[in-house]
Amino acid sequence: MEKEFEDFVKLARKALAESPWANMQTVKSYSAQLASEADEVQEAVGKGDSENLKAELGDLFWDTLMVMLIAEKQGWFKPEDSIRSVLEKMKRRKPFLVTGRKVTLEEEERVWTEAKAKEKKL
């Protein structure tokens, strides 16, 4: 998957550099595209259509990456910053994934809720 991800990012960067349409987008203008793809993912899930879900998740992943790259172009943050942010968040909300300790469903939900509440206060 590492090679595919690297190729995916390279192609998205190329699209942003060479596509007139992509090059004129802003985070705000592209957000409608992102929302539309999320709706199509939900539709595929609702229908139980795994083939369409596979395609729509790919589209959503593409659009998410494009928004990250556009944000980078606008000087907001780098894609790595967003990835690092979610990694740190998941480590806080699901520490057992790092420690390897077994947890119950109740404990997992409690830790998630507590971590999320703490983050909201910051």
C-alpha atoms as a PDB file:
ATOM      1  CA  MET A   1       0.000   0.000   0.000  1.00  0.00           C
ATOM      2  CA  GLU A   2       2.940   2.339   0.576  1.00  0.00           C
ATOM      3  CA  LYS A   3       3.774   2.477  -3.152  1.00  0.00           C
ATOM      4  CA  GLU A   4       0.145   3.064  -4.091  1.00  0.00           C
ATOM      5  CA  PHE A   5      -0.137   5.867  -1.538  1.00  0.00           C
ATOM      6  CA  GLU A   6       3.047   7.497  -2.833  1.00  0.00           C
ATOM      7  CA  ASP A   7       1.744   7.305  -6.423  1.00  0.00           C
ATOM      8  CA  PHE A   8      -1.619   8.682  -5.269  1.00  0.00           C
ATOM      9  CA  VAL A   9      -0.020  11.717  -3.640  1.00  0.00           C
ATOM     10  CA  LYS A  10       2.232  12.327  -6.664  1.00  0.00           C
ATOM     11  CA  LEU A  11      -0.760  12.245  -9.009  1.00  0.00           C
ATOM     12  CA  ALA A  12      -2.745  14.627  -6.799  1.00  0.00           C
ATOM     13  CA  ARG A  13       0.187  17.047  -6.642  1.00  0.00           C
ATOM     14  CA  LYS A  14       0.467  16.831 -10.432  1.00  0.00           C
ATOM     15  CA  ALA A  15      -3.269  17.512 -10.794  1.00  0.00           C
ATOM     16  CA  LEU A  16      -2.950  20.591  -8.614  1.00  0.00           C
ATOM     17  CA  ALA A  17       0.017  21.817 -10.639  1.00  0.00           C
ATOM     18  CA  GLU A  18      -1.255  21.013 -14.144  1.00  0.00           C
ATOM     19  CA  SER A  19      -5.055  20.999 -14.061  1.00  0.00           C
ATOM     20  CA  PRO A  20      -6.484  24.472 -14.705  1.00  0.00           C
ATOM     21  CA  TRP A  21      -9.654  23.557 -12.796  1.00  0.00           C
ATOM     22  CA  ALA A  22      -7.809  22.146  -9.761  1.00  0.00           C
ATOM     23  CA  ASN A  23      -5.306  24.992  -9.790  1.00  0.00           C
ATOM     24  CA  MET A  24      -8.043  27.610  -9.397  1.00  0.00           C
ATOM     25  CA  GLN A  25      -9.680  25.870  -6.415  1.00  0.00           C
ATOM     26  CA  THR A  26      -9.551  27.095  -2.846  1.00  0.00           C
ATOM     27  CA  VAL A  27     -10.286  25.108   0.291  1.00  0.00           C
ATOM     28  CA  LYS A  28     -13.691  26.790   0.387  1.00  0.00           C
ATOM     29  CA  SER A  29     -14.560  26.148  -3.257  1.00  0.00           C
ATOM     30  CA  TYR A  30     -13.445  22.515  -3.109  1.00  0.00           C
ATOM     31  CA  SER A  31     -15.341  21.763   0.099  1.00  0.00           C
ATOM     32  CA  ALA A  32     -18.610  21.305  -1.831  1.00  0.00           C
ATOM     33  CA  GLN A  33     -16.947  18.555  -3.883  1.00  0.00           C
ATOM     34  CA  LEU A  34     -15.794  16.890  -0.679  1.00  0.00           C
ATOM     35  CA  ALA A  35     -19.306  17.020   0.807  1.00  0.00           C
ATOM     36  CA  SER A  36     -20.797  15.583  -2.380  1.00  0.00           C
ATOM     37  CA  GLU A  37     -18.430  12.620  -2.298  1.00  0.00           C
ATOM     38  CA  ALA A  38     -19.233  11.988   1.374  1.00  0.00           C
ATOM     39  CA  ASP A  39     -22.923  11.872   0.437  1.00  0.00           C
ATOM     40  CA  GLU A  40     -22.164   9.341  -2.307  1.00  0.00           C
ATOM     41  CA  VAL A  41     -20.287   7.176   0.215  1.00  0.00           C
ATOM     42  CA  GLN A  42     -23.351   7.209   2.478  1.00  0.00           C
ATOM     43  CA  GLU A  43     -25.584   6.327  -0.448  1.00  0.00           C
ATOM     44  CA  ALA A  44     -23.422   3.329  -1.368  1.00  0.00           C
ATOM     45  CA  VAL A  45     -23.418   2.164   2.265  1.00  0.00           C
ATOM     46  CA  GLY A  46     -27.183   2.524   2.438  1.00  0.00           C
ATOM     47  CA  LYS A  47     -27.588   0.367  -0.651  1.00  0.00           C
ATOM     48  CA  GLY A  48     -25.065  -2.205   0.565  1.00  0.00           C
ATOM     49  CA  ASP A  49     -23.217  -1.729  -2.728  1.00  0.00           C
ATOM     50  CA  SER A  50     -19.624  -2.735  -1.945  1.00  0.00           C
ATOM     51  CA  GLU A  51     -18.281  -2.113  -5.457  1.00  0.00           C
ATOM     52  CA  ASN A  52     -19.685   1.399  -5.535  1.00  0.00           C
ATOM     53  CA  LEU A  53     -18.530   1.970  -1.956  1.00  0.00           C
ATOM     54  CA  LYS A  54     -14.983   1.035  -2.968  1.00  0.00           C
ATOM     55  CA  ALA A  55     -15.079   3.581  -5.801  1.00  0.00           C
ATOM     56  CA  GLU A  56     -16.741   6.316  -3.739  1.00  0.00           C
ATOM     57  CA  LEU A  57     -14.297   5.910  -0.847  1.00  0.00           C
ATOM     58  CA  GLY A  58     -11.482   6.313  -3.371  1.00  0.00           C
ATOM     59  CA  ASP A  59     -13.111   9.502  -4.648  1.00  0.00           C
ATOM     60  CA  LEU A  60     -13.547  10.793  -1.092  1.00  0.00           C
ATOM     61  CA  PHE A  61      -9.916   9.973  -0.319  1.00  0.00           C
ATOM     62  CA  TRP A  62      -8.837  11.847  -3.469  1.00  0.00           C
ATOM     63  CA  ASP A  63     -10.901  14.895  -2.587  1.00  0.00           C
ATOM     64  CA  THR A  64      -9.650  14.856   1.010  1.00  0.00           C
ATOM     65  CA  LEU A  65      -6.066  14.812  -0.223  1.00  0.00           C
ATOM     66  CA  MET A  66      -6.822  17.572  -2.721  1.00  0.00           C
ATOM     67  CA  VAL A  67      -8.205  19.783   0.055  1.00  0.00           C
ATOM     68  CA  MET A  68      -5.056  19.098   2.094  1.00  0.00           C
ATOM     69  CA  LEU A  69      -2.862  20.057  -0.862  1.00  0.00           C
ATOM     70  CA  ILE A  70      -4.899  23.173  -1.576  1.00  0.00           C
ATOM     71  CA  ALA A  71      -4.599  24.123   2.103  1.00  0.00           C
ATOM     72  CA  GLU A  72      -0.840  23.676   1.773  1.00  0.00           C
ATOM     73  CA  LYS A  73      -0.834  25.854  -1.342  1.00  0.00           C
ATOM     74  CA  GLN A  74      -2.765  28.526   0.579  1.00  0.00           C
ATOM     75  CA  GLY A  75      -0.143  28.385   3.332  1.00  0.00           C
ATOM     76  CA  TRP A  76      -2.475  26.923   5.955  1.00  0.00           C
ATOM     77  CA  PHE A  77      -0.760  23.606   6.754  1.00  0.00           C
ATOM     78  CA  LYS A  78       0.938  20.641   5.109  1.00  0.00           C
ATOM     79  CA  PRO A  79      -0.848  17.322   4.525  1.00  0.00           C
ATOM     80  CA  GLU A  80       1.611  15.711   6.942  1.00  0.00           C
ATOM     81  CA  ASP A  81       0.399  18.115   9.645  1.00  0.00           C
ATOM     82  CA  SER A  82      -3.172  16.889   9.227  1.00  0.00           C
ATOM     83  CA  ILE A  83      -2.070  13.245   9.245  1.00  0.00           C
ATOM     84  CA  ARG A  84       0.090  13.832  12.329  1.00  0.00           C
ATOM     85  CA  SER A  85      -2.843  15.557  14.012  1.00  0.00           C
ATOM     86  CA  VAL A  86      -5.219  12.630  13.520  1.00  0.00           C
ATOM     87  CA  LEU A  87      -2.538  10.130  14.575  1.00  0.00           C
ATOM     88  CA  GLU A  88      -1.994  11.986  17.837  1.00  0.00           C
ATOM     89  CA  LYS A  89      -5.750  12.286  18.357  1.00  0.00           C
ATOM     90  CA  MET A  90      -6.281   8.544  17.855  1.00  0.00           C
ATOM     91  CA  LYS A  91      -3.415   7.759  20.247  1.00  0.00           C
ATOM     92  CA  ARG A  92      -5.152   9.883  22.898  1.00  0.00           C
ATOM     93  CA  ARG A  93      -8.600   8.484  22.212  1.00  0.00           C
ATOM     94  CA  LYS A  94      -7.520   4.862  21.722  1.00  0.00           C
ATOM     95  CA  PRO A  95      -4.332   4.463  23.785  1.00  0.00           C
ATOM     96  CA  PHE A  96      -4.735   0.682  23.854  1.00  0.00           C
ATOM     97  CA  LEU A  97      -3.759   0.638  20.174  1.00  0.00           C
ATOM     98  CA  VAL A  98      -0.323   1.903  21.212  1.00  0.00           C
ATOM     99  CA  THR A  99       0.077  -0.039  24.449  1.00  0.00           C
ATOM    100  CA  GLY A 100      -1.411  -3.310  23.206  1.00  0.00           C
ATOM    101  CA  ARG A 101      -3.511  -3.586  26.376  1.00  0.00           C
ATOM    102  CA  LYS A 102      -6.877  -5.327  25.949  1.00  0.00           C
ATOM    103  CA  VAL A 103      -9.916  -3.203  26.804  1.00  0.00           C
ATOM    104  CA  THR A 104     -13.624  -3.778  27.104  1.00  0.00           C
ATOM    105  CA  LEU A 105     -16.100  -1.970  24.891  1.00  0.00           C
ATOM    106  CA  GLU A 106     -17.222   0.072  27.875  1.00  0.00           C
ATOM    107  CA  GLU A 107     -13.661   1.124  28.711  1.00  0.00           C
ATOM    108  CA  GLU A 108     -12.935   2.019  25.101  1.00  0.00           C
ATOM    109  CA  GLU A 109     -16.060   4.196  24.913  1.00  0.00           C
ATOM    110  CA  ARG A 110     -15.278   5.867  28.272  1.00  0.00           C
ATOM    111  CA  VAL A 111     -11.683   6.688  27.297  1.00  0.00           C
ATOM    112  CA  TRP A 112     -12.855   8.030  23.917  1.00  0.00           C
ATOM    113  CA  THR A 113     -15.509  10.228  25.524  1.00  0.00           C
ATOM    114  CA  GLU A 114     -13.137  11.540  28.194  1.00  0.00           C
ATOM    115  CA  ALA A 115     -10.367  12.299  25.686  1.00  0.00           C
ATOM    116  CA  LYS A 116     -12.798  14.050  23.350  1.00  0.00           C
ATOM    117  CA  ALA A 117     -14.210  16.155  26.210  1.00  0.00           C
ATOM    118  CA  LYS A 118     -10.677  17.134  27.273  1.00  0.00           C
ATOM    119  CA  GLU A 119      -9.835  18.154  23.684  1.00  0.00           C
ATOM    120  CA  LYS A 120     -12.944  20.359  23.502  1.00  0.00           C
ATOM    121  CA  LYS A 121     -11.796  22.276  26.605  1.00  0.00           C
ATOM    122  CA  LEU A 122      -8.412  23.092  25.063  1.00  0.00           C
END
